[in-house]
């Protein structure tokens, strides 16, 4: 017999059976939904999924086992299960949204270092109260998620599991769910039509990746014994870069410049006039251009893999190989050009923090955004528009008869996601060097633009309209001395721009006044003009070998050229 309630206080009502059943059903649906949601189609968003989540089935079996053994699952066990569910939910969120943004699975070893940096850079553009508000909102959301999970686990443990042990039909449904999940995981039900893709294997894969990162034997197997840069360094002095004849070489690595600008019909139609303008500007300056596609080692992000893959001539599709390479003294194009009398520059206008890894790159002169002394208005997360950064670099390090030939690696940033604000193009390059580089109306238009995360495609096209314009304008400027300009995309933009299952190809353009030099690239698979042919001529690190193949003096092809692509060094 229950104890009577104190005077003036009504007894706690016993929930009606239908309410208890409704709460139990809602808790189970909530747990399955949180452990099995799918990508929402908009970057960072998710939607509920009607399919069965494998982790939910395992959780349900554990709750049934606990109810059978203990009769009533303790609060401590409920808290432990809730914490485990929270880890699974957060892992599933990352596993679901990252491929939709970057077109590739999560890589904890690599992205774990990149995401905090991106968040830090993003926060610099926000007032302090907004940054603090964002942190508070994230904390509250995490707390609310934990409380929701704890309620669902408690109700499932104390209401649903004991009832399911007594009801024959509930035991039958459980057995059916287990059989369907097992059959799906075993491959008997392809396509994940009934059962959602599990997240637990992602944790397993990331754990294996981290273990490999800590294994000296695994790390040693990640890099080849030698590269095309080693072969070029072994050549007699002056021979590896003999056809350059002392010309400057500028490598412009264009952020997010991918094959989508050619492959996507809307982008191709919108940008074709600008490409024609760029080609006409190159021709009017007395130069020529050849183009090709190469395959980037990354997609949608992690530009460092593309940068160092090109500079080292080593395949860095495995991000761990990149990090291992940074711990070595393996040579890069900086080493090669420096050994052949060139002064080397690394220009990174986006960087506004200390970057210790630059030590490996070995630039004679490294310049980040702070070194460029930009005094104009900030435009977007990265402050300095590419055209302005390029002009500031040329002003700070002018070329003349007394300066040595130079190799410049210029990492652009304006075309980085979210692709806006799009800076105004400035035809007057002298004005770019002033504190007011743009007209007031154009500047106000650019500064008024807000990020459009729900539809990135139009701004992506607009930012490459700007990029083609400033490149065309650059080629119309007087050339201090003859320069070979290499324009390379680092990777495709995020898959919300390219669409699903897009290639990893990026365009490459080589611009020079020397037709004989460009003919060597044509012999390697390039095509005259701004329209790259298919298929790709190789990977981005293969392109390093093609560059050195074309730059090398006659007789060195066997050391640096692919066996199937020997260059004809005769004049065209």
Foldseek 3Di string as FASTA:
>chain_A
DDDDDPPPDDDDDDDDPVVLVVLLVVLLQVLQQLLFWADPLFQLDTDGDQAGEPVSLVLLVVLLVCCVVPVADDLVVLLVVLVVSLVSSVLVSQQHRVCQAFVDGDACVPVVVVVVVVVVLVCVPDPPVVVVVVVVVVVVVSVVSSVSNSSSSNSNNGRVSVVLVVDPVSVVVSVVVVVVVVCVVVPVDPDCPRYGDGSVVVVVVNVVVVVLLVDPVSLVVLWDPAALLVLLVPDPACFLQVQCVQFAEEEEAEEQFACLCPVVVVNVVLCVVLQVLLQVLLVVLLKWKWKAKAFALTGADPLVQLVQLLFQLIRCVPVSNVVSLLVDLRHGVQVVVVSNWAQEEEEAAQDDDDDVSVVSVDHPYYYYVVNLPQQAAAFPSRGDAPLLSVLSVCVVPPDAPPHGHYYYYYYGDCLRPVLADQADAQLPSVLSPDRYSDDPVRVVVRVPDDRDSRQSQVSNSVNVSNVSVSSSSVSNDDDNDFYKYKYKYSFHHRCSHVPHPDGGMGMIMIMGSDVLLVVQVVLLQIGIGDDHDDDGSYHSSLVSLSVSQSSGHPPSCVSRPDPVRHGDNDGD
